[in-house]
Amino acid sequence: MNKNFHCCATCEHFRAEKLEDGMRYYCARLGFDTKTTYQFNCWRPKDHIRKLMEQDQSNK
């Protein structure tokens, strides 16, 4: 199975903040608003995503 783990929502810099008028998703490192599915070259996966990626590699 080919999974795509690379997206902002799986990055250690991704933050979600609940506001009165909805949610704000942003990159704590860059300071920019983002969306969960966006991808940037600075992506650093969260620890649990790294483990999932390792499991996916070992299952091939």
PDB file of N, CA and C in Angstrom:
ATOM      1  N   MET A   1       0.849  -1.175   0.000  1.00  0.00           N
ATOM      2  CA  MET A   1       0.000   0.000   0.000  1.00  0.00           C
ATOM      3  C   MET A   1       0.892   1.235   0.000  1.00  0.00           C
ATOM      4  N   ASN A   2       0.642   2.168  -0.888  1.00  0.00           N
ATOM      5  CA  ASN A   2       1.424   3.385  -0.988  1.00  0.00           C
ATOM      6  C   ASN A   2       0.678   4.518  -0.273  1.00  0.00           C
ATOM      7  N   LYS A   3       1.210   4.931   0.877  1.00  0.00           N
ATOM      8  CA  LYS A   3       0.591   6.005   1.649  1.00  0.00           C
ATOM      9  C   LYS A   3       1.393   7.279   1.476  1.00  0.00           C
ATOM     10  N   ASN A   4       0.703   8.394   1.469  1.00  0.00           N
ATOM     11  CA  ASN A   4       1.376   9.678   1.404  1.00  0.00           C
ATOM     12  C   ASN A   4       1.256  10.339   2.772  1.00  0.00           C
ATOM     13  N   PHE A   5       2.322  10.291   3.537  1.00  0.00           N
ATOM     14  CA  PHE A   5       2.334  10.870   4.866  1.00  0.00           C
ATOM     15  C   PHE A   5       2.684  12.349   4.841  1.00  0.00           C
ATOM     16  N   HIS A   6       3.275  12.832   3.739  1.00  0.00           N
ATOM     17  CA  HIS A   6       3.786  14.189   3.668  1.00  0.00           C
ATOM     18  C   HIS A   6       2.667  15.197   3.472  1.00  0.00           C
ATOM     19  N   CYS A   7       2.272  15.840   4.537  1.00  0.00           N
ATOM     20  CA  CYS A   7       1.327  16.950   4.480  1.00  0.00           C
ATOM     21  C   CYS A   7       1.465  17.760   5.761  1.00  0.00           C
ATOM     22  N   CYS A   8       1.004  18.977   5.745  1.00  0.00           N
ATOM     23  CA  CYS A   8       1.183  19.859   6.902  1.00  0.00           C
ATOM     24  C   CYS A   8       0.606  19.268   8.193  1.00  0.00           C
ATOM     25  N   ALA A   9      -0.521  18.599   8.102  1.00  0.00           N
ATOM     26  CA  ALA A   9      -1.162  18.071   9.303  1.00  0.00           C
ATOM     27  C   ALA A   9      -0.298  17.043  10.034  1.00  0.00           C
ATOM     28  N   THR A  10       0.662  16.436   9.355  1.00  0.00           N
ATOM     29  CA  THR A  10       1.517  15.430   9.982  1.00  0.00           C
ATOM     30  C   THR A  10       2.873  15.995  10.402  1.00  0.00           C
ATOM     31  N   CYS A  11       3.065  17.293  10.248  1.00  0.00           N
ATOM     32  CA  CYS A  11       4.342  17.939  10.564  1.00  0.00           C
ATOM     33  C   CYS A  11       4.376  18.384  12.023  1.00  0.00           C
ATOM     34  N   GLU A  12       5.559  18.321  12.615  1.00  0.00           N
ATOM     35  CA  GLU A  12       5.699  18.722  14.016  1.00  0.00           C
ATOM     36  C   GLU A  12       5.488  20.232  14.217  1.00  0.00           C
ATOM     37  N   HIS A  13       5.514  21.009  13.160  1.00  0.00           N
ATOM     38  CA  HIS A  13       5.314  22.460  13.261  1.00  0.00           C
ATOM     39  C   HIS A  13       3.860  22.878  13.053  1.00  0.00           C
ATOM     40  N   PHE A  14       3.008  21.943  12.683  1.00  0.00           N
ATOM     41  CA  PHE A  14       1.598  22.242  12.399  1.00  0.00           C
ATOM     42  C   PHE A  14       0.843  22.522  13.695  1.00  0.00           C
ATOM     43  N   ARG A  15       0.062  23.583  13.683  1.00  0.00           N
ATOM     44  CA  ARG A  15      -0.755  23.936  14.838  1.00  0.00           C
ATOM     45  C   ARG A  15      -2.183  24.205  14.388  1.00  0.00           C
ATOM     46  N   ALA A  16      -3.119  23.829  15.246  1.00  0.00           N
ATOM     47  CA  ALA A  16      -4.541  24.106  15.021  1.00  0.00           C
ATOM     48  C   ALA A  16      -5.042  24.903  16.217  1.00  0.00           C
ATOM     49  N   GLU A  17      -5.751  25.959  15.927  1.00  0.00           N
ATOM     50  CA  GLU A  17      -6.236  26.848  16.976  1.00  0.00           C
ATOM     51  C   GLU A  17      -7.723  27.096  16.754  1.00  0.00           C
ATOM     52  N   LYS A  18      -8.527  26.847  17.784  1.00  0.00           N
ATOM     53  CA  LYS A  18      -9.967  27.062  17.670  1.00  0.00           C
ATOM     54  C   LYS A  18     -10.278  28.528  17.990  1.00  0.00           C
ATOM     55  N   LEU A  19     -10.920  29.187  17.047  1.00  0.00           N
ATOM     56  CA  LEU A  19     -11.325  30.585  17.198  1.00  0.00           C
ATOM     57  C   LEU A  19     -12.843  30.666  17.240  1.00  0.00           C
ATOM     58  N   GLU A  20     -13.353  31.808  17.614  1.00  0.00           N
ATOM     59  CA  GLU A  20     -14.811  31.975  17.659  1.00  0.00           C
ATOM     60  C   GLU A  20     -15.463  31.760  16.306  1.00  0.00           C
ATOM     61  N   ASP A  21     -14.772  32.160  15.237  1.00  0.00           N
ATOM     62  CA  ASP A  21     -15.351  32.053  13.899  1.00  0.00           C
ATOM     63  C   ASP A  21     -14.844  30.843  13.111  1.00  0.00           C
ATOM     64  N   GLY A  22     -14.233  29.884  13.782  1.00  0.00           N
ATOM     65  CA  GLY A  22     -13.776  28.666  13.111  1.00  0.00           C
ATOM     66  C   GLY A  22     -12.368  28.285  13.530  1.00  0.00           C
ATOM     67  N   MET A  23     -11.744  27.417  12.764  1.00  0.00           N
ATOM     68  CA  MET A  23     -10.410  26.929  13.074  1.00  0.00           C
ATOM     69  C   MET A  23      -9.360  27.711  12.290  1.00  0.00           C
ATOM     70  N   ARG A  24      -8.183  27.837  12.900  1.00  0.00           N
ATOM     71  CA  ARG A  24      -7.020  28.417  12.218  1.00  0.00           C
ATOM     72  C   ARG A  24      -5.936  27.350  12.210  1.00  0.00           C
ATOM     73  N   TYR A  25      -5.439  27.045  11.034  1.00  0.00           N
ATOM     74  CA  TYR A  25      -4.349  26.084  10.872  1.00  0.00           C
ATOM     75  C   TYR A  25      -3.130  26.858  10.401  1.00  0.00           C
ATOM     76  N   TYR A  26      -1.990  26.667  11.088  1.00  0.00           N
ATOM     77  CA  TYR A  26      -0.812  27.428  10.721  1.00  0.00           C
ATOM     78  C   TYR A  26       0.471  26.673  11.040  1.00  0.00           C
ATOM     79  N   CYS A  27       1.548  27.144  10.454  1.00  0.00           N
ATOM     80  CA  CYS A  27       2.873  26.580  10.690  1.00  0.00           C
ATOM     81  C   CYS A  27       3.552  27.426  11.758  1.00  0.00           C
ATOM     82  N   ALA A  28       3.891  26.817  12.894  1.00  0.00           N
ATOM     83  CA  ALA A  28       4.537  27.538  13.988  1.00  0.00           C
ATOM     84  C   ALA A  28       5.955  27.960  13.601  1.00  0.00           C
ATOM     85  N   ARG A  29       6.594  27.235  12.709  1.00  0.00           N
ATOM     86  CA  ARG A  29       7.956  27.571  12.284  1.00  0.00           C
ATOM     87  C   ARG A  29       7.958  28.751  11.322  1.00  0.00           C
ATOM     88  N   LEU A  30       7.094  28.701  10.312  1.00  0.00           N
ATOM     89  CA  LEU A  30       7.061  29.742   9.293  1.00  0.00           C
ATOM     90  C   LEU A  30       6.156  30.918   9.665  1.00  0.00           C
ATOM     91  N   GLY A  31       5.161  30.664  10.506  1.00  0.00           N
ATOM     92  CA  GLY A  31       4.218  31.707  10.894  1.00  0.00           C
ATOM     93  C   GLY A  31       3.105  31.950   9.906  1.00  0.00           C
ATOM     94  N   PHE A  32       2.979  31.092   8.897  1.00  0.00           N
ATOM     95  CA  PHE A  32       1.957  31.254   7.861  1.00  0.00           C
ATOM     96  C   PHE A  32       0.742  30.390   8.147  1.00  0.00           C
ATOM     97  N   ASP A  33      -0.425  30.882   7.756  1.00  0.00           N
ATOM     98  CA  ASP A  33      -1.606  30.031   7.750  1.00  0.00           C
ATOM     99  C   ASP A  33      -1.403  28.968   6.686  1.00  0.00           C
ATOM    100  N   THR A  34      -1.956  27.798   6.914  1.00  0.00           N
ATOM    101  CA  THR A  34      -1.810  26.698   5.970  1.00  0.00           C
ATOM    102  C   THR A  34      -3.092  25.879   5.972  1.00  0.00           C
ATOM    103  N   LYS A  35      -3.103  24.827   5.236  1.00  0.00           N
ATOM    104  CA  LYS A  35      -4.208  23.870   5.237  1.00  0.00           C
ATOM    105  C   LYS A  35      -3.619  22.505   5.550  1.00  0.00           C
ATOM    106  N   THR A  36      -4.440  21.617   6.030  1.00  0.00           N
ATOM    107  CA  THR A  36      -3.951  20.310   6.468  1.00  0.00           C
ATOM    108  C   THR A  36      -3.293  19.515   5.350  1.00  0.00           C
ATOM    109  N   THR A  37      -3.722  19.711   4.111  1.00  0.00           N
ATOM    110  CA  THR A  37      -3.209  18.909   2.992  1.00  0.00           C
ATOM    111  C   THR A  37      -2.060  19.562   2.240  1.00  0.00           C
ATOM    112  N   TYR A  38      -1.695  20.781   2.611  1.00  0.00           N
ATOM    113  CA  TYR A  38      -0.574  21.439   1.934  1.00  0.00           C
ATOM    114  C   TYR A  38       0.725  20.689   2.204  1.00  0.00           C
ATOM    115  N   GLN A  39       1.703  20.888   1.315  1.00  0.00           N
ATOM    116  CA  GLN A  39       3.017  20.275   1.459  1.00  0.00           C
ATOM    117  C   GLN A  39       4.102  21.308   1.221  1.00  0.00           C
ATOM    118  N   PHE A  40       5.125  21.288   2.071  1.00  0.00           N
ATOM    119  CA  PHE A  40       6.278  22.165   1.915  1.00  0.00           C
ATOM    120  C   PHE A  40       7.541  21.336   2.079  1.00  0.00           C
ATOM    121  N   ASN A  41       8.655  21.823   1.549  1.00  0.00           N
ATOM    122  CA  ASN A  41       9.923  21.102   1.626  1.00  0.00           C
ATOM    123  C   ASN A  41      10.504  21.061   3.032  1.00  0.00           C
ATOM    124  N   CYS A  42      10.026  21.917   3.924  1.00  0.00           N
ATOM    125  CA  CYS A  42      10.553  21.957   5.293  1.00  0.00           C
ATOM    126  C   CYS A  42       9.878  20.937   6.203  1.00  0.00           C
ATOM    127  N   TRP A  43       9.068  20.075   5.659  1.00  0.00           N
ATOM    128  CA  TRP A  43       8.269  19.110   6.419  1.00  0.00           C
ATOM    129  C   TRP A  43       9.123  18.239   7.316  1.00  0.00           C
ATOM    130  N   ARG A  44       8.757  18.178   8.602  1.00  0.00           N
ATOM    131  CA  ARG A  44       9.393  17.287   9.571  1.00  0.00           C
ATOM    132  C   ARG A  44       8.282  16.510  10.254  1.00  0.00           C
ATOM    133  N   PRO A  45       8.177  15.208   9.991  1.00  0.00           N
ATOM    134  CA  PRO A  45       7.047  14.438  10.519  1.00  0.00           C
ATOM    135  C   PRO A  45       7.060  14.320  12.042  1.00  0.00           C
ATOM    136  N   LYS A  46       5.878  14.263  12.614  1.00  0.00           N
ATOM    137  CA  LYS A  46       5.721  14.016  14.049  1.00  0.00           C
ATOM    138  C   LYS A  46       6.222  12.604  14.343  1.00  0.00           C
ATOM    139  N   ASP A  47       6.560  12.336  15.593  1.00  0.00           N
ATOM    140  CA  ASP A  47       7.115  11.038  15.976  1.00  0.00           C
ATOM    141  C   ASP A  47       6.222   9.866  15.579  1.00  0.00           C
ATOM    142  N   HIS A  48       4.923   9.975  15.835  1.00  0.00           N
ATOM    143  CA  HIS A  48       4.040   8.842  15.510  1.00  0.00           C
ATOM    144  C   HIS A  48       3.925   8.639  13.995  1.00  0.00           C
ATOM    145  N   ILE A  49       4.105   9.691  13.222  1.00  0.00           N
ATOM    146  CA  ILE A  49       4.091   9.555  11.761  1.00  0.00           C
ATOM    147  C   ILE A  49       5.365   8.867  11.292  1.00  0.00           C
ATOM    148  N   ARG A  50       6.510   9.194  11.906  1.00  0.00           N
ATOM    149  CA  ARG A  50       7.764   8.511  11.572  1.00  0.00           C
ATOM    150  C   ARG A  50       7.635   7.003  11.802  1.00  0.00           C
ATOM    151  N   LYS A  51       6.997   6.629  12.914  1.00  0.00           N
ATOM    152  CA  LYS A  51       6.809   5.206  13.216  1.00  0.00           C
ATOM    153  C   LYS A  51       5.915   4.540  12.172  1.00  0.00           C
ATOM    154  N   LEU A  52       4.851   5.234  11.777  1.00  0.00           N
ATOM    155  CA  LEU A  52       3.975   4.689  10.739  1.00  0.00           C
ATOM    156  C   LEU A  52       4.714   4.518   9.419  1.00  0.00           C
ATOM    157  N   MET A  53       5.575   5.484   9.090  1.00  0.00           N
ATOM    158  CA  MET A  53       6.354   5.400   7.855  1.00  0.00           C
ATOM    159  C   MET A  53       7.321   4.216   7.914  1.00  0.00           C
ATOM    160  N   GLU A  54       7.942   3.994   9.072  1.00  0.00           N
ATOM    161  CA  GLU A  54       8.842   2.853   9.234  1.00  0.00           C
ATOM    162  C   GLU A  54       8.092   1.534   9.100  1.00  0.00           C
ATOM    163  N   GLN A  55       6.904   1.457   9.693  1.00  0.00           N
ATOM    164  CA  GLN A  55       6.089   0.256   9.586  1.00  0.00           C
ATOM    165  C   GLN A  55       5.696   0.009   8.130  1.00  0.00           C
ATOM    166  N   ASP A  56       5.328   1.066   7.442  1.00  0.00           N
ATOM    167  CA  ASP A  56       4.935   0.952   6.035  1.00  0.00           C
ATOM    168  C   ASP A  56       6.106   0.434   5.188  1.00  0.00           C
ATOM    169  N   GLN A  57       7.306   0.939   5.462  1.00  0.00           N
ATOM    170  CA  GLN A  57       8.499   0.482   4.734  1.00  0.00           C
ATOM    171  C   GLN A  57       8.795  -0.990   5.008  1.00  0.00           C
ATOM    172  N   SER A  58       8.638  -1.407   6.255  1.00  0.00           N
ATOM    173  CA  SER A  58       8.968  -2.805   6.604  1.00  0.00           C
ATOM    174  C   SER A  58       7.926  -3.787   6.066  1.00  0.00           C
ATOM    175  N   ASN A  59       6.742  -3.308   5.735  1.00  0.00           N
ATOM    176  CA  ASN A  59       5.683  -4.168   5.200  1.00  0.00           C
ATOM    177  C   ASN A  59       5.796  -4.370   3.688  1.00  0.00           C
ATOM    178  N   LYS A  60       6.779  -3.738   3.067  1.00  0.00           N
ATOM    179  CA  LYS A  60       6.923  -3.857   1.602  1.00  0.00           C
ATOM    180  C   LYS A  60       7.773  -5.014   1.245  1.00  0.00           C
TER     181      LYS A  60
END
